[in-house]
């Protein structure tokens, strides 16, 4: 049995290029701290694209490009407490 090797080439939107260039593998996890520091436009679609490259048993390379659209929302988190008054 011959194993196929996989490679992933990520193409991320401009605000995330520097972060994505340091990522390898089949997933890109972007911490919210990176999102906040990137100065993105909230509620704007950003397209993340990956080209998957693998070697077929005959040695030829095959590729497939996949993408996902991501939208971040700047939601306000209210800060409050509810006190119970027994009377």
PDB file of N, CA and C in Angstrom:
ATOM      1  N   UNK A   1       0.852  -1.192   0.000  1.00  0.00           N
ATOM      2  CA  UNK A   1       0.000   0.000   0.000  1.00  0.00           C
ATOM      3  C   UNK A   1       0.886   1.240   0.000  1.00  0.00           C
ATOM      4  N   UNK A   2       0.599   2.138  -0.921  1.00  0.00           N
ATOM      5  CA  UNK A   2       1.363   3.376  -1.004  1.00  0.00           C
ATOM      6  C   UNK A   2       0.562   4.515  -0.373  1.00  0.00           C
ATOM      7  N   UNK A   3       1.204   5.252   0.517  1.00  0.00           N
ATOM      8  CA  UNK A   3       0.517   6.372   1.175  1.00  0.00           C
ATOM      9  C   UNK A   3       0.640   7.625   0.321  1.00  0.00           C
ATOM     10  N   UNK A   4      -0.393   8.404   0.342  1.00  0.00           N
ATOM     11  CA  UNK A   4      -0.383   9.665  -0.392  1.00  0.00           C
ATOM     12  C   UNK A   4       0.032  10.780   0.556  1.00  0.00           C
ATOM     13  N   UNK A   5       0.871  11.664   0.077  1.00  0.00           N
ATOM     14  CA  UNK A   5       1.252  12.801   0.910  1.00  0.00           C
ATOM     15  C   UNK A   5       0.373  13.997   0.522  1.00  0.00           C
ATOM     16  N   UNK A   6       0.015  14.781   1.521  1.00  0.00           N
ATOM     17  CA  UNK A   6      -0.837  15.943   1.317  1.00  0.00           C
ATOM     18  C   UNK A   6      -0.081  17.211   1.664  1.00  0.00           C
ATOM     19  N   UNK A   7      -0.373  18.271   0.928  1.00  0.00           N
ATOM     20  CA  UNK A   7       0.160  19.593   1.238  1.00  0.00           C
ATOM     21  C   UNK A   7      -1.000  20.582   1.116  1.00  0.00           C
ATOM     22  N   UNK A   8      -0.912  21.648   1.893  1.00  0.00           N
ATOM     23  CA  UNK A   8      -1.977  22.643   1.921  1.00  0.00           C
ATOM     24  C   UNK A   8      -1.367  24.018   1.691  1.00  0.00           C
ATOM     25  N   UNK A   9      -1.925  24.741   0.723  1.00  0.00           N
ATOM     26  CA  UNK A   9      -1.448  26.090   0.412  1.00  0.00           C
ATOM     27  C   UNK A   9      -2.596  27.058   0.680  1.00  0.00           C
ATOM     28  N   UNK A  10      -2.473  27.808   1.791  1.00  0.00           N
ATOM     29  CA  UNK A  10      -3.537  28.716   2.206  1.00  0.00           C
ATOM     30  C   UNK A  10      -3.396  30.081   1.547  1.00  0.00           C
ATOM     31  N   UNK A  11      -4.523  30.619   1.072  1.00  0.00           N
ATOM     32  CA  UNK A  11      -4.591  31.973   0.535  1.00  0.00           C
ATOM     33  C   UNK A  11      -5.657  32.702   1.355  1.00  0.00           C
ATOM     34  N   UNK A  12      -5.198  33.578   2.241  1.00  0.00           N
ATOM     35  CA  UNK A  12      -6.110  34.254   3.164  1.00  0.00           C
ATOM     36  C   UNK A  12      -6.310  35.703   2.737  1.00  0.00           C
ATOM     37  N   UNK A  13      -7.421  36.315   3.150  1.00  0.00           N
ATOM     38  CA  UNK A  13      -7.662  37.715   2.822  1.00  0.00           C
ATOM     39  C   UNK A  13      -6.590  38.616   3.435  1.00  0.00           C
ATOM     40  N   UNK A  14      -6.437  39.782   2.878  1.00  0.00           N
ATOM     41  CA  UNK A  14      -5.367  40.720   3.233  1.00  0.00           C
ATOM     42  C   UNK A  14      -5.155  40.901   4.742  1.00  0.00           C
ATOM     43  N   UNK A  15      -6.175  41.120   5.546  1.00  0.00           N
ATOM     44  CA  UNK A  15      -5.888  41.348   6.976  1.00  0.00           C
ATOM     45  C   UNK A  15      -5.220  40.159   7.674  1.00  0.00           C
ATOM     46  N   UNK A  16      -5.278  38.967   7.076  1.00  0.00           N
ATOM     47  CA  UNK A  16      -4.774  37.764   7.733  1.00  0.00           C
ATOM     48  C   UNK A  16      -3.592  37.124   7.016  1.00  0.00           C
ATOM     49  N   UNK A  17      -3.078  37.738   5.972  1.00  0.00           N
ATOM     50  CA  UNK A  17      -1.965  37.151   5.207  1.00  0.00           C
ATOM     51  C   UNK A  17      -0.770  36.807   6.082  1.00  0.00           C
ATOM     52  N   UNK A  18      -0.352  37.721   6.935  1.00  0.00           N
ATOM     53  CA  UNK A  18       0.823  37.479   7.776  1.00  0.00           C
ATOM     54  C   UNK A  18       0.581  36.303   8.715  1.00  0.00           C
ATOM     55  N   UNK A  19      -0.595  36.215   9.292  1.00  0.00           N
ATOM     56  CA  UNK A  19      -0.905  35.127  10.213  1.00  0.00           C
ATOM     57  C   UNK A  19      -0.969  33.790   9.463  1.00  0.00           C
ATOM     58  N   UNK A  20      -1.660  33.760   8.335  1.00  0.00           N
ATOM     59  CA  UNK A  20      -1.837  32.508   7.587  1.00  0.00           C
ATOM     60  C   UNK A  20      -0.527  31.992   7.010  1.00  0.00           C
ATOM     61  N   UNK A  21       0.381  32.876   6.688  1.00  0.00           N
ATOM     62  CA  UNK A  21       1.645  32.431   6.100  1.00  0.00           C
ATOM     63  C   UNK A  21       2.457  31.590   7.091  1.00  0.00           C
ATOM     64  N   UNK A  22       2.126  31.691   8.381  1.00  0.00           N
ATOM     65  CA  UNK A  22       2.829  30.922   9.418  1.00  0.00           C
ATOM     66  C   UNK A  22       2.120  29.595   9.723  1.00  0.00           C
ATOM     67  N   UNK A  23       0.968  29.366   9.085  1.00  0.00           N
ATOM     68  CA  UNK A  23       0.179  28.183   9.365  1.00  0.00           C
ATOM     69  C   UNK A  23       0.482  27.077   8.360  1.00  0.00           C
ATOM     70  N   UNK A  24       0.465  25.862   8.817  1.00  0.00           N
ATOM     71  CA  UNK A  24       0.620  24.705   7.939  1.00  0.00           C
ATOM     72  C   UNK A  24      -0.417  23.678   8.353  1.00  0.00           C
ATOM     73  N   UNK A  25      -0.881  22.922   7.438  1.00  0.00           N
ATOM     74  CA  UNK A  25      -1.826  21.874   7.770  1.00  0.00           C
ATOM     75  C   UNK A  25      -3.191  22.111   7.170  1.00  0.00           C
ATOM     76  N   UNK A  26      -4.112  21.246   7.551  1.00  0.00           N
ATOM     77  CA  UNK A  26      -5.424  21.256   6.925  1.00  0.00           C
ATOM     78  C   UNK A  26      -6.413  22.226   7.571  1.00  0.00           C
ATOM     79  N   UNK A  27      -6.016  22.909   8.634  1.00  0.00           N
ATOM     80  CA  UNK A  27      -6.898  23.875   9.285  1.00  0.00           C
ATOM     81  C   UNK A  27      -6.134  25.142   9.642  1.00  0.00           C
ATOM     82  N   UNK A  28      -6.843  26.254   9.580  1.00  0.00           N
ATOM     83  CA  UNK A  28      -6.296  27.522  10.064  1.00  0.00           C
ATOM     84  C   UNK A  28      -7.224  27.979  11.182  1.00  0.00           C
ATOM     85  N   UNK A  29      -6.702  28.050  12.386  1.00  0.00           N
ATOM     86  CA  UNK A  29      -7.467  28.525  13.532  1.00  0.00           C
ATOM     87  C   UNK A  29      -6.969  29.924  13.853  1.00  0.00           C
ATOM     88  N   UNK A  30      -7.865  30.898  13.794  1.00  0.00           N
ATOM     89  CA  UNK A  30      -7.481  32.287  14.024  1.00  0.00           C
ATOM     90  C   UNK A  30      -8.056  32.729  15.370  1.00  0.00           C
ATOM     91  N   UNK A  31      -7.196  32.929  16.376  1.00  0.00           N
ATOM     92  CA  UNK A  31      -7.685  33.383  17.683  1.00  0.00           C
ATOM     93  C   UNK A  31      -8.334  34.769  17.568  1.00  0.00           C
ATOM     94  N   UNK A  32      -9.311  35.021  18.428  1.00  0.00           N
ATOM     95  CA  UNK A  32     -10.014  36.301  18.347  1.00  0.00           C
ATOM     96  C   UNK A  32      -9.073  37.480  18.587  1.00  0.00           C
ATOM     97  N   UNK A  33      -8.024  37.289  19.356  1.00  0.00           N
ATOM     98  CA  UNK A  33      -7.043  38.368  19.554  1.00  0.00           C
ATOM     99  C   UNK A  33      -6.425  38.789  18.220  1.00  0.00           C
ATOM    100  N   UNK A  34      -6.162  37.831  17.351  1.00  0.00           N
ATOM    101  CA  UNK A  34      -5.613  38.141  16.025  1.00  0.00           C
ATOM    102  C   UNK A  34      -6.651  38.894  15.199  1.00  0.00           C
ATOM    103  N   UNK A  35      -7.917  38.484  15.307  1.00  0.00           N
ATOM    104  CA  UNK A  35      -8.992  39.171  14.578  1.00  0.00           C
ATOM    105  C   UNK A  35      -9.081  40.627  15.027  1.00  0.00           C
ATOM    106  N   UNK A  36      -9.088  40.856  16.347  1.00  0.00           N
ATOM    107  CA  UNK A  36      -9.191  42.235  16.852  1.00  0.00           C
ATOM    108  C   UNK A  36      -8.003  43.080  16.413  1.00  0.00           C
ATOM    109  N   UNK A  37      -6.800  42.500  16.438  1.00  0.00           N
ATOM    110  CA  UNK A  37      -5.596  43.244  16.073  1.00  0.00           C
ATOM    111  C   UNK A  37      -5.474  43.492  14.571  1.00  0.00           C
ATOM    112  N   UNK A  38      -6.253  42.780  13.771  1.00  0.00           N
ATOM    113  CA  UNK A  38      -6.124  42.890  12.316  1.00  0.00           C
ATOM    114  C   UNK A  38      -6.878  44.084  11.737  1.00  0.00           C
ATOM    115  N   UNK A  39      -7.682  44.735  12.536  1.00  0.00           N
ATOM    116  CA  UNK A  39      -8.457  45.901  12.086  1.00  0.00           C
ATOM    117  C   UNK A  39      -9.374  45.542  10.909  1.00  0.00           C
ATOM    118  N   UNK A  40     -10.082  44.419  11.041  1.00  0.00           N
ATOM    119  CA  UNK A  40     -10.991  44.003   9.977  1.00  0.00           C
ATOM    120  C   UNK A  40     -12.212  44.910   9.941  1.00  0.00           C
ATOM    121  N   UNK A  41     -12.949  44.835   8.850  1.00  0.00           N
ATOM    122  CA  UNK A  41     -14.252  45.494   8.744  1.00  0.00           C
ATOM    123  C   UNK A  41     -15.287  44.479   9.209  1.00  0.00           C
ATOM    124  N   UNK A  42     -15.972  44.790  10.294  1.00  0.00           N
ATOM    125  CA  UNK A  42     -16.972  43.884  10.835  1.00  0.00           C
ATOM    126  C   UNK A  42     -18.092  43.694   9.821  1.00  0.00           C
ATOM    127  N   UNK A  43     -18.761  42.564   9.859  1.00  0.00           N
ATOM    128  CA  UNK A  43     -19.900  42.211   9.012  1.00  0.00           C
ATOM    129  C   UNK A  43     -19.551  42.251   7.527  1.00  0.00           C
ATOM    130  N   UNK A  44     -18.287  42.027   7.208  1.00  0.00           N
ATOM    131  CA  UNK A  44     -17.818  41.975   5.828  1.00  0.00           C
ATOM    132  C   UNK A  44     -17.366  40.547   5.535  1.00  0.00           C
ATOM    133  N   UNK A  45     -17.796  39.988   4.405  1.00  0.00           N
ATOM    134  CA  UNK A  45     -17.351  38.627   4.097  1.00  0.00           C
ATOM    135  C   UNK A  45     -15.872  38.577   3.708  1.00  0.00           C
ATOM    136  N   UNK A  46     -15.149  37.625   4.292  1.00  0.00           N
ATOM    137  CA  UNK A  46     -13.747  37.377   3.963  1.00  0.00           C
ATOM    138  C   UNK A  46     -13.645  35.945   3.450  1.00  0.00           C
ATOM    139  N   UNK A  47     -12.983  35.759   2.319  1.00  0.00           N
ATOM    140  CA  UNK A  47     -12.879  34.437   1.717  1.00  0.00           C
ATOM    141  C   UNK A  47     -11.507  33.841   2.004  1.00  0.00           C
ATOM    142  N   UNK A  48     -11.519  32.672   2.619  1.00  0.00           N
ATOM    143  CA  UNK A  48     -10.310  31.906   2.897  1.00  0.00           C
ATOM    144  C   UNK A  48     -10.280  30.755   1.894  1.00  0.00           C
ATOM    145  N   UNK A  49      -9.146  30.584   1.238  1.00  0.00           N
ATOM    146  CA  UNK A  49      -9.036  29.566   0.196  1.00  0.00           C
ATOM    147  C   UNK A  49      -7.838  28.666   0.476  1.00  0.00           C
ATOM    148  N   UNK A  50      -8.008  27.385   0.240  1.00  0.00           N
ATOM    149  CA  UNK A  50      -6.906  26.439   0.408  1.00  0.00           C
ATOM    150  C   UNK A  50      -6.818  25.567  -0.841  1.00  0.00           C
ATOM    151  N   UNK A  51      -5.606  25.380  -1.299  1.00  0.00           N
ATOM    152  CA  UNK A  51      -5.357  24.438  -2.378  1.00  0.00           C
ATOM    153  C   UNK A  51      -4.727  23.201  -1.758  1.00  0.00           C
ATOM    154  N   UNK A  52      -5.388  22.078  -1.934  1.00  0.00           N
ATOM    155  CA  UNK A  52      -4.903  20.809  -1.409  1.00  0.00           C
ATOM    156  C   UNK A  52      -4.151  20.116  -2.546  1.00  0.00           C
ATOM    157  N   UNK A  53      -2.938  19.687  -2.251  1.00  0.00           N
ATOM    158  CA  UNK A  53      -2.080  19.056  -3.253  1.00  0.00           C
ATOM    159  C   UNK A  53      -1.703  17.672  -2.741  1.00  0.00           C
ATOM    160  N   UNK A  54      -1.898  16.671  -3.560  1.00  0.00           N
ATOM    161  CA  UNK A  54      -1.504  15.335  -3.156  1.00  0.00           C
ATOM    162  C   UNK A  54      -0.889  14.585  -4.334  1.00  0.00           C
ATOM    163  N   UNK A  55      -0.075  13.610  -3.999  1.00  0.00           N
ATOM    164  CA  UNK A  55       0.583  12.795  -5.014  1.00  0.00           C
ATOM    165  C   UNK A  55      -0.240  11.531  -5.246  1.00  0.00           C
ATOM    166  N   UNK A  56      -0.568  11.286  -6.485  1.00  0.00           N
ATOM    167  CA  UNK A  56      -1.284  10.063  -6.845  1.00  0.00           C
ATOM    168  C   UNK A  56      -0.282   8.906  -6.877  1.00  0.00           C
ATOM    169  N   UNK A  57      -0.758   7.686  -6.844  1.00  0.00           N
ATOM    170  CA  UNK A  57       0.164   6.532  -6.849  1.00  0.00           C
ATOM    171  C   UNK A  57       1.137   6.519  -8.030  1.00  0.00           C
ATOM    172  N   UNK A  58       0.733   7.133  -9.154  1.00  0.00           N
ATOM    173  CA  UNK A  58       1.637   7.149 -10.312  1.00  0.00           C
ATOM    174  C   UNK A  58       2.668   8.279 -10.230  1.00  0.00           C
ATOM    175  N   UNK A  59       2.638   9.042  -9.124  1.00  0.00           N
ATOM    176  CA  UNK A  59       3.616  10.108  -8.936  1.00  0.00           C
ATOM    177  C   UNK A  59       3.160  11.478  -9.411  1.00  0.00           C
ATOM    178  N   UNK A  60       2.061  11.540 -10.137  1.00  0.00           N
ATOM    179  CA  UNK A  60       1.535  12.820 -10.611  1.00  0.00           C
ATOM    180  C   UNK A  60       0.872  13.578  -9.452  1.00  0.00           C
ATOM    181  N   UNK A  61       1.006  14.899  -9.482  1.00  0.00           N
ATOM    182  CA  UNK A  61       0.372  15.729  -8.451  1.00  0.00           C
ATOM    183  C   UNK A  61      -1.044  16.084  -8.896  1.00  0.00           C
ATOM    184  N   UNK A  62      -1.938  16.054  -7.938  1.00  0.00           N
ATOM    185  CA  UNK A  62      -3.310  16.473  -8.199  1.00  0.00           C
ATOM    186  C   UNK A  62      -3.669  17.543  -7.182  1.00  0.00           C
ATOM    187  N   UNK A  63      -4.488  18.509  -7.593  1.00  0.00           N
ATOM    188  CA  UNK A  63      -4.865  19.597  -6.695  1.00  0.00           C
ATOM    189  C   UNK A  63      -6.371  19.811  -6.705  1.00  0.00           C
ATOM    190  N   UNK A  64      -6.843  20.358  -5.620  1.00  0.00           N
ATOM    191  CA  UNK A  64      -8.234  20.785  -5.521  1.00  0.00           C
ATOM    192  C   UNK A  64      -8.254  22.033  -4.652  1.00  0.00           C
ATOM    193  N   UNK A  65      -8.983  23.045  -5.089  1.00  0.00           N
ATOM    194  CA  UNK A  65      -9.080  24.294  -4.342  1.00  0.00           C
ATOM    195  C   UNK A  65     -10.453  24.388  -3.692  1.00  0.00           C
ATOM    196  N   UNK A  66     -10.453  24.687  -2.403  1.00  0.00           N
ATOM    197  CA  UNK A  66     -11.673  24.826  -1.612  1.00  0.00           C
ATOM    198  C   UNK A  66     -11.667  26.204  -0.957  1.00  0.00           C
ATOM    199  N   UNK A  67     -12.859  26.717  -0.648  1.00  0.00           N
ATOM    200  CA  UNK A  67     -12.890  28.000   0.041  1.00  0.00           C
ATOM    201  C   UNK A  67     -14.050  28.059   1.018  1.00  0.00           C
ATOM    202  N   UNK A  68     -13.929  29.008   1.935  1.00  0.00           N
ATOM    203  CA  UNK A  68     -14.974  29.249   2.928  1.00  0.00           C
ATOM    204  C   UNK A  68     -15.076  30.755   3.145  1.00  0.00           C
ATOM    205  N   UNK A  69     -16.288  31.231   3.285  1.00  0.00           N
ATOM    206  CA  UNK A  69     -16.532  32.643   3.561  1.00  0.00           C
ATOM    207  C   UNK A  69     -16.805  32.803   5.046  1.00  0.00           C
ATOM    208  N   UNK A  70     -16.110  33.764   5.666  1.00  0.00           N
ATOM    209  CA  UNK A  70     -16.234  33.998   7.104  1.00  0.00           C
ATOM    210  C   UNK A  70     -16.635  35.454   7.322  1.00  0.00           C
ATOM    211  N   UNK A  71     -17.575  35.664   8.241  1.00  0.00           N
ATOM    212  CA  UNK A  71     -18.015  37.016   8.615  1.00  0.00           C
ATOM    213  C   UNK A  71     -17.923  37.123  10.138  1.00  0.00           C
ATOM    214  N   UNK A  72     -17.252  38.164  10.610  1.00  0.00           N
ATOM    215  CA  UNK A  72     -17.169  38.425  12.046  1.00  0.00           C
ATOM    216  C   UNK A  72     -18.115  39.562  12.404  1.00  0.00           C
ATOM    217  N   UNK A  73     -18.694  39.458  13.590  1.00  0.00           N
ATOM    218  CA  UNK A  73     -19.612  40.476  14.098  1.00  0.00           C
ATOM    219  C   UNK A  73     -19.038  41.052  15.385  1.00  0.00           C
ATOM    220  N   UNK A  74     -19.104  42.354  15.525  1.00  0.00           N
ATOM    221  CA  UNK A  74     -18.646  43.032  16.732  1.00  0.00           C
ATOM    222  C   UNK A  74     -19.858  43.166  17.652  1.00  0.00           C
ATOM    223  N   UNK A  75     -20.050  42.171  18.493  1.00  0.00           N
ATOM    224  CA  UNK A  75     -21.219  42.145  19.367  1.00  0.00           C
ATOM    225  C   UNK A  75     -20.864  42.703  20.734  1.00  0.00           C
ATOM    226  N   UNK A  76     -21.715  43.578  21.220  1.00  0.00           N
ATOM    227  CA  UNK A  76     -21.519  44.131  22.560  1.00  0.00           C
ATOM    228  C   UNK A  76     -21.999  43.116  23.583  1.00  0.00           C
ATOM    229  N   UNK A  77     -21.204  42.894  24.595  1.00  0.00           N
ATOM    230  CA  UNK A  77     -21.582  41.997  25.668  1.00  0.00           C
ATOM    231  C   UNK A  77     -21.995  42.850  26.869  1.00  0.00           C
ATOM    232  N   UNK A  78     -23.265  42.831  27.219  1.00  0.00           N
ATOM    233  CA  UNK A  78     -23.699  43.650  28.355  1.00  0.00           C
ATOM    234  C   UNK A  78     -23.077  43.174  29.658  1.00  0.00           C
ATOM    235  N   UNK A  79     -22.819  44.128  30.527  1.00  0.00           N
ATOM    236  CA  UNK A  79     -22.252  43.825  31.836  1.00  0.00           C
ATOM    237  C   UNK A  79     -23.279  44.238  32.883  1.00  0.00           C
ATOM    238  N   UNK A  80     -23.949  43.260  33.500  1.00  0.00           N
ATOM    239  CA  UNK A  80     -24.976  43.577  34.486  1.00  0.00           C
ATOM    240  C   UNK A  80     -25.099  42.435  35.483  1.00  0.00           C
ATOM    241  N   UNK A  81     -25.778  42.742  36.596  1.00  0.00           N
ATOM    242  CA  UNK A  81     -26.093  41.704  37.582  1.00  0.00           C
ATOM    243  C   UNK A  81     -27.573  41.801  37.912  1.00  0.00           C
ATOM    244  N   UNK A  82     -28.130  40.700  38.316  1.00  0.00           N
ATOM    245  CA  UNK A  82     -29.529  40.675  38.743  1.00  0.00           C
ATOM    246  C   UNK A  82     -29.542  40.291  40.215  1.00  0.00           C
ATOM    247  N   UNK A  83     -30.076  41.184  41.013  1.00  0.00           N
ATOM    248  CA  UNK A  83     -30.173  40.932  42.445  1.00  0.00           C
ATOM    249  C   UNK A  83     -31.609  40.534  42.784  1.00  0.00           C
ATOM    250  N   UNK A  84     -31.737  39.598  43.702  1.00  0.00           N
ATOM    251  CA  UNK A  84     -33.058  39.149  44.133  1.00  0.00           C
ATOM    252  C   UNK A  84     -33.456  39.882  45.404  1.00  0.00           C
ATOM    253  N   UNK A  85     -34.614  40.524  45.348  1.00  0.00           N
ATOM    254  CA  UNK A  85     -35.142  41.219  46.517  1.00  0.00           C
ATOM    255  C   UNK A  85     -36.289  40.377  47.074  1.00  0.00           C
ATOM    256  N   UNK A  86     -36.113  39.741  48.247  1.00  0.00           N
ATOM    257  CA  UNK A  86     -37.119  38.821  48.763  1.00  0.00           C
ATOM    258  C   UNK A  86     -38.420  39.511  49.217  1.00  0.00           C
ATOM    259  N   UNK A  87     -38.496  40.784  49.231  1.00  0.00           N
ATOM    260  CA  UNK A  87     -39.726  41.454  49.714  1.00  0.00           C
ATOM    261  C   UNK A  87     -40.738  41.638  48.660  1.00  0.00           C
TER     262      UNK A  87
END
